[in-house]
Amino acid sequence: MAKIVLKKHIFLIGLPLSGKSSLVLSCKERLNLPTVDIDAEIERMTNLDIPSIWEKYVEFTFRTIERYVLATILCNSPKIFACGGGISNFMDNMSLISTNSVIYIQANPIMLAKRKIVNRPLFFNQNEIVQKLEDLFIRRKESYERAQFWFATQDGIEQNADSFINFLVKNRLIS
């Protein structure tokens, strides 16, 4: 099999739980592509997990760290990035990443609420997950819809991974 090449950075944006990290991991495992989960990179750089950052500092501090990580990694060779759900809605992050390929990972909030939720600071109250996701979507919709590409997820990680890889090939985001 020939080596697969990324033409430029690919950023996955979308609601929390939409599968961004799972899709990026699939690209790494199946295609041996270079990938970065921005939340994991924030945890590595700060030596704190995301819930601890949210608990210890205000959201603005988290978003400032997130922005720093984003600006730092843009200087590197092309990779596929799983972005935090709110990255596109803060500062001028969408302008910063839009010179690359940005894919909005679309997902239904009701379907997302059924997924396993671990270490998600926005979803500590299980009874309010659907409402919280719908509220987030309303606030972030405009920035999500600025993405050049849209990919609709379904239930099932394997199914989404296969469809997503086909999507990347079809849209000539990898060669």
C-alpha atoms as a PDB file:
ATOM      1  CA  MET A   1       0.000   0.000   0.000  1.00  0.00           C
ATOM      2  CA  ALA A   2       1.345   3.436  -0.929  1.00  0.00           C
ATOM      3  CA  LYS A   3       2.013   5.956   1.822  1.00  0.00           C
ATOM      4  CA  ILE A   4      -0.982   8.221   2.396  1.00  0.00           C
ATOM      5  CA  VAL A   5      -0.182  11.919   2.453  1.00  0.00           C
ATOM      6  CA  LEU A   6      -2.035  14.814   4.033  1.00  0.00           C
ATOM      7  CA  LYS A   7      -2.123  17.861   1.782  1.00  0.00           C
ATOM      8  CA  LYS A   8      -2.635  20.248   4.706  1.00  0.00           C
ATOM      9  CA  HIS A   9      -3.882  20.202   8.277  1.00  0.00           C
ATOM     10  CA  ILE A  10      -7.369  18.776   8.811  1.00  0.00           C
ATOM     11  CA  PHE A  11      -9.360  20.055  11.792  1.00  0.00           C
ATOM     12  CA  LEU A  12     -12.440  18.239  13.062  1.00  0.00           C
ATOM     13  CA  ILE A  13     -14.911  20.507  14.843  1.00  0.00           C
ATOM     14  CA  GLY A  14     -18.352  19.820  16.279  1.00  0.00           C
ATOM     15  CA  LEU A  15     -20.303  19.248  19.439  1.00  0.00           C
ATOM     16  CA  PRO A  16     -18.794  17.394  22.383  1.00  0.00           C
ATOM     17  CA  LEU A  17     -19.357  13.625  22.018  1.00  0.00           C
ATOM     18  CA  SER A  18     -19.713  13.873  18.211  1.00  0.00           C
ATOM     19  CA  GLY A  19     -16.834  11.442  17.684  1.00  0.00           C
ATOM     20  CA  LYS A  20     -13.998  13.772  16.694  1.00  0.00           C
ATOM     21  CA  SER A  21     -11.409  11.999  18.854  1.00  0.00           C
ATOM     22  CA  SER A  22     -12.595   8.546  17.737  1.00  0.00           C
ATOM     23  CA  LEU A  23     -12.373   9.512  14.060  1.00  0.00           C
ATOM     24  CA  VAL A  24      -8.880  10.928  14.511  1.00  0.00           C
ATOM     25  CA  LEU A  25      -7.775   7.784  16.342  1.00  0.00           C
ATOM     26  CA  SER A  26      -9.181   5.657  13.499  1.00  0.00           C
ATOM     27  CA  CYS A  27      -7.157   7.664  10.967  1.00  0.00           C
ATOM     28  CA  LYS A  28      -4.033   7.088  13.028  1.00  0.00           C
ATOM     29  CA  GLU A  29      -4.618   3.350  13.501  1.00  0.00           C
ATOM     30  CA  ARG A  30      -5.944   2.471  10.049  1.00  0.00           C
ATOM     31  CA  LEU A  31      -3.978   4.839   7.822  1.00  0.00           C
ATOM     32  CA  ASN A  32      -0.915   5.603   9.957  1.00  0.00           C
ATOM     33  CA  LEU A  33      -1.627   9.323   9.623  1.00  0.00           C
ATOM     34  CA  PRO A  34      -0.151  11.868  12.039  1.00  0.00           C
ATOM     35  CA  THR A  35      -2.832  13.042  14.459  1.00  0.00           C
ATOM     36  CA  VAL A  36      -3.302  15.280  17.495  1.00  0.00           C
ATOM     37  CA  ASP A  37      -6.129  15.427  20.009  1.00  0.00           C
ATOM     38  CA  ILE A  38      -5.981  19.053  21.147  1.00  0.00           C
ATOM     39  CA  ASP A  39      -7.503  18.298  24.556  1.00  0.00           C
ATOM     40  CA  ALA A  40      -4.863  15.594  25.130  1.00  0.00           C
ATOM     41  CA  GLU A  41      -2.169  18.064  24.079  1.00  0.00           C
ATOM     42  CA  ILE A  42      -3.535  20.632  26.565  1.00  0.00           C
ATOM     43  CA  GLU A  43      -3.428  17.977  29.298  1.00  0.00           C
ATOM     44  CA  ARG A  44       0.145  17.093  28.357  1.00  0.00           C
ATOM     45  CA  MET A  45       1.286  20.724  28.363  1.00  0.00           C
ATOM     46  CA  THR A  46      -0.457  21.710  31.610  1.00  0.00           C
ATOM     47  CA  ASN A  47      -0.015  18.406  33.445  1.00  0.00           C
ATOM     48  CA  LEU A  48      -3.722  18.648  34.383  1.00  0.00           C
ATOM     49  CA  ASP A  49      -6.757  16.826  33.023  1.00  0.00           C
ATOM     50  CA  ILE A  50      -9.469  18.895  31.331  1.00  0.00           C
ATOM     51  CA  PRO A  51     -11.990  18.689  34.233  1.00  0.00           C
ATOM     52  CA  SER A  52      -9.279  19.932  36.624  1.00  0.00           C
ATOM     53  CA  ILE A  53      -8.469  22.876  34.366  1.00  0.00           C
ATOM     54  CA  TRP A  54     -12.159  23.820  34.211  1.00  0.00           C
ATOM     55  CA  GLU A  55     -12.516  23.413  37.969  1.00  0.00           C
ATOM     56  CA  LYS A  56      -9.341  25.278  38.908  1.00  0.00           C
ATOM     57  CA  TYR A  57      -9.560  28.082  36.336  1.00  0.00           C
ATOM     58  CA  VAL A  58     -12.329  29.899  34.480  1.00  0.00           C
ATOM     59  CA  GLU A  59     -13.306  28.950  30.932  1.00  0.00           C
ATOM     60  CA  PHE A  60     -11.405  31.926  29.517  1.00  0.00           C
ATOM     61  CA  THR A  61      -8.142  30.518  30.908  1.00  0.00           C
ATOM     62  CA  PHE A  62      -8.873  27.133  29.312  1.00  0.00           C
ATOM     63  CA  ARG A  63      -9.674  28.798  25.972  1.00  0.00           C
ATOM     64  CA  THR A  64      -6.460  30.843  26.153  1.00  0.00           C
ATOM     65  CA  ILE A  65      -4.411  27.668  26.698  1.00  0.00           C
ATOM     66  CA  GLU A  66      -6.350  25.997  23.873  1.00  0.00           C
ATOM     67  CA  ARG A  67      -5.562  28.939  21.582  1.00  0.00           C
ATOM     68  CA  TYR A  68      -1.861  28.763  22.457  1.00  0.00           C
ATOM     69  CA  VAL A  69      -1.772  25.042  21.652  1.00  0.00           C
ATOM     70  CA  LEU A  70      -3.596  25.668  18.374  1.00  0.00           C
ATOM     71  CA  ALA A  71      -1.229  28.446  17.294  1.00  0.00           C
ATOM     72  CA  THR A  72       1.800  26.341  18.240  1.00  0.00           C
ATOM     73  CA  ILE A  73       0.780  23.242  16.288  1.00  0.00           C
ATOM     74  CA  LEU A  74      -0.082  25.139  13.115  1.00  0.00           C
ATOM     75  CA  CYS A  75       3.648  25.545  12.466  1.00  0.00           C
ATOM     76  CA  ASN A  76       4.159  21.784  12.224  1.00  0.00           C
ATOM     77  CA  SER A  77       3.776  19.395   9.293  1.00  0.00           C
ATOM     78  CA  PRO A  78       0.183  18.467   8.327  1.00  0.00           C
ATOM     79  CA  LYS A  79      -1.811  16.420  10.804  1.00  0.00           C
ATOM     80  CA  ILE A  80      -5.435  15.564  11.552  1.00  0.00           C
ATOM     81  CA  PHE A  81      -6.690  17.315  14.680  1.00  0.00           C
ATOM     82  CA  ALA A  82      -9.558  16.511  17.019  1.00  0.00           C
ATOM     83  CA  CYS A  83     -10.588  19.902  18.365  1.00  0.00           C
ATOM     84  CA  GLY A  84     -12.477  20.603  21.556  1.00  0.00           C
ATOM     85  CA  GLY A  85     -16.157  21.275  20.937  1.00  0.00           C
ATOM     86  CA  GLY A  86     -15.897  25.011  21.566  1.00  0.00           C
ATOM     87  CA  ILE A  87     -12.637  25.808  19.818  1.00  0.00           C
ATOM     88  CA  SER A  88     -14.347  27.202  16.724  1.00  0.00           C
ATOM     89  CA  ASN A  89     -16.448  29.615  18.753  1.00  0.00           C
ATOM     90  CA  PHE A  90     -13.710  31.424  20.671  1.00  0.00           C
ATOM     91  CA  MET A  91     -11.295  34.203  19.783  1.00  0.00           C
ATOM     92  CA  ASP A  92     -10.559  34.060  16.056  1.00  0.00           C
ATOM     93  CA  ASN A  93      -9.806  30.348  16.016  1.00  0.00           C
ATOM     94  CA  MET A  94     -11.986  29.657  12.961  1.00  0.00           C
ATOM     95  CA  SER A  95     -10.116  32.293  10.975  1.00  0.00           C
ATOM     96  CA  LEU A  96      -6.844  30.802  12.150  1.00  0.00           C
ATOM     97  CA  ILE A  97      -7.678  27.234  11.053  1.00  0.00           C
ATOM     98  CA  SER A  98      -9.789  27.982   7.975  1.00  0.00           C
ATOM     99  CA  THR A  99      -6.746  28.234   5.692  1.00  0.00           C
ATOM    100  CA  ASN A 100      -6.550  24.465   6.215  1.00  0.00           C
ATOM    101  CA  SER A 101      -9.296  21.859   5.825  1.00  0.00           C
ATOM    102  CA  VAL A 102     -12.012  22.150   8.472  1.00  0.00           C
ATOM    103  CA  ILE A 103     -14.609  19.396   8.787  1.00  0.00           C
ATOM    104  CA  TYR A 104     -17.762  19.903  10.833  1.00  0.00           C
ATOM    105  CA  ILE A 105     -18.719  16.594  12.436  1.00  0.00           C
ATOM    106  CA  GLN A 106     -22.512  16.750  12.493  1.00  0.00           C
ATOM    107  CA  ALA A 107     -24.435  14.739  15.047  1.00  0.00           C
ATOM    108  CA  ASN A 108     -27.876  14.716  16.602  1.00  0.00           C
ATOM    109  CA  PRO A 109     -27.844  15.831  20.280  1.00  0.00           C
ATOM    110  CA  ILE A 110     -30.291  13.059  21.255  1.00  0.00           C
ATOM    111  CA  MET A 111     -27.998  10.423  19.734  1.00  0.00           C
ATOM    112  CA  LEU A 112     -24.963  12.029  21.404  1.00  0.00           C
ATOM    113  CA  ALA A 113     -26.609  11.982  24.834  1.00  0.00           C
ATOM    114  CA  LYS A 114     -26.729   8.172  24.625  1.00  0.00           C
ATOM    115  CA  ARG A 115     -22.947   7.892  24.302  1.00  0.00           C
ATOM    116  CA  LYS A 116     -20.667   7.037  27.209  1.00  0.00           C
ATOM    117  CA  ILE A 117     -19.614  10.223  28.957  1.00  0.00           C
ATOM    118  CA  VAL A 118     -16.290  10.247  30.807  1.00  0.00           C
ATOM    119  CA  ASN A 119     -14.411  13.289  32.134  1.00  0.00           C
ATOM    120  CA  ARG A 120     -16.653  15.844  30.468  1.00  0.00           C
ATOM    121  CA  PRO A 121     -16.872  18.994  32.603  1.00  0.00           C
ATOM    122  CA  LEU A 122     -19.944  20.266  30.748  1.00  0.00           C
ATOM    123  CA  PHE A 123     -21.949  17.101  31.438  1.00  0.00           C
ATOM    124  CA  PHE A 124     -21.743  16.368  35.138  1.00  0.00           C
ATOM    125  CA  ASN A 125     -25.546  16.455  35.425  1.00  0.00           C
ATOM    126  CA  GLN A 126     -26.773  13.432  33.403  1.00  0.00           C
ATOM    127  CA  ASN A 127     -30.370  14.705  33.372  1.00  0.00           C
ATOM    128  CA  GLU A 128     -29.506  17.817  31.386  1.00  0.00           C
ATOM    129  CA  ILE A 129     -27.272  16.403  28.645  1.00  0.00           C
ATOM    130  CA  VAL A 130     -29.672  16.733  25.687  1.00  0.00           C
ATOM    131  CA  GLN A 131     -30.664  20.263  26.690  1.00  0.00           C
ATOM    132  CA  LYS A 132     -27.021  21.248  27.220  1.00  0.00           C
ATOM    133  CA  LEU A 133     -26.038  19.859  23.786  1.00  0.00           C
ATOM    134  CA  GLU A 134     -28.931  21.666  22.099  1.00  0.00           C
ATOM    135  CA  ASP A 135     -27.969  24.930  23.835  1.00  0.00           C
ATOM    136  CA  LEU A 136     -24.335  24.486  22.791  1.00  0.00           C
ATOM    137  CA  PHE A 137     -25.392  23.806  19.206  1.00  0.00           C
ATOM    138  CA  ILE A 138     -27.469  27.002  19.095  1.00  0.00           C
ATOM    139  CA  ARG A 139     -24.520  29.042  20.403  1.00  0.00           C
ATOM    140  CA  ARG A 140     -21.944  27.383  18.143  1.00  0.00           C
ATOM    141  CA  LYS A 141     -23.960  26.681  14.995  1.00  0.00           C
ATOM    142  CA  GLU A 142     -22.700  29.697  13.082  1.00  0.00           C
ATOM    143  CA  SER A 143     -19.032  28.850  13.667  1.00  0.00           C
ATOM    144  CA  TYR A 144     -19.555  25.139  12.906  1.00  0.00           C
ATOM    145  CA  GLU A 145     -21.264  25.993   9.630  1.00  0.00           C
ATOM    146  CA  ARG A 146     -18.204  27.967   8.486  1.00  0.00           C
ATOM    147  CA  ALA A 147     -16.383  24.663   7.944  1.00  0.00           C
ATOM    148  CA  GLN A 148     -15.532  23.807   4.330  1.00  0.00           C
ATOM    149  CA  PHE A 149     -16.725  20.213   4.756  1.00  0.00           C
ATOM    150  CA  TRP A 150     -19.510  18.523   6.727  1.00  0.00           C
ATOM    151  CA  PHE A 151     -19.541  14.882   7.800  1.00  0.00           C
ATOM    152  CA  ALA A 152     -22.650  13.375   9.439  1.00  0.00           C
ATOM    153  CA  THR A 153     -21.972  10.739  12.088  1.00  0.00           C
ATOM    154  CA  GLN A 154     -24.160   7.800  13.000  1.00  0.00           C
ATOM    155  CA  ASP A 155     -24.140   5.351  15.873  1.00  0.00           C
ATOM    156  CA  GLY A 156     -21.224   2.938  15.710  1.00  0.00           C
ATOM    157  CA  ILE A 157     -17.538   3.838  15.777  1.00  0.00           C
ATOM    158  CA  GLU A 158     -16.462   1.281  13.142  1.00  0.00           C
ATOM    159  CA  GLN A 159     -19.186   2.393  10.739  1.00  0.00           C
ATOM    160  CA  ASN A 160     -18.231   6.047  11.201  1.00  0.00           C
ATOM    161  CA  ALA A 161     -14.528   5.296  10.768  1.00  0.00           C
ATOM    162  CA  ASP A 162     -15.071   3.520   7.441  1.00  0.00           C
ATOM    163  CA  SER A 163     -17.376   6.273   6.182  1.00  0.00           C
ATOM    164  CA  PHE A 164     -15.011   9.001   7.343  1.00  0.00           C
ATOM    165  CA  ILE A 165     -11.980   7.528   5.586  1.00  0.00           C
ATOM    166  CA  ASN A 166     -14.033   7.234   2.394  1.00  0.00           C
ATOM    167  CA  PHE A 167     -15.123  10.854   2.917  1.00  0.00           C
ATOM    168  CA  LEU A 168     -11.474  12.007   3.162  1.00  0.00           C
ATOM    169  CA  VAL A 169     -10.587  10.180  -0.063  1.00  0.00           C
ATOM    170  CA  LYS A 170     -13.708  11.359  -1.934  1.00  0.00           C
ATOM    171  CA  ASN A 171     -13.003  14.995  -0.997  1.00  0.00           C
ATOM    172  CA  ARG A 172      -9.298  14.619  -1.870  1.00  0.00           C
ATOM    173  CA  LEU A 173      -8.167  15.563   1.624  1.00  0.00           C
ATOM    174  CA  ILE A 174      -5.711  12.680   1.586  1.00  0.00           C
ATOM    175  CA  SER A 175      -3.792  11.158  -1.306  1.00  0.00           C
END
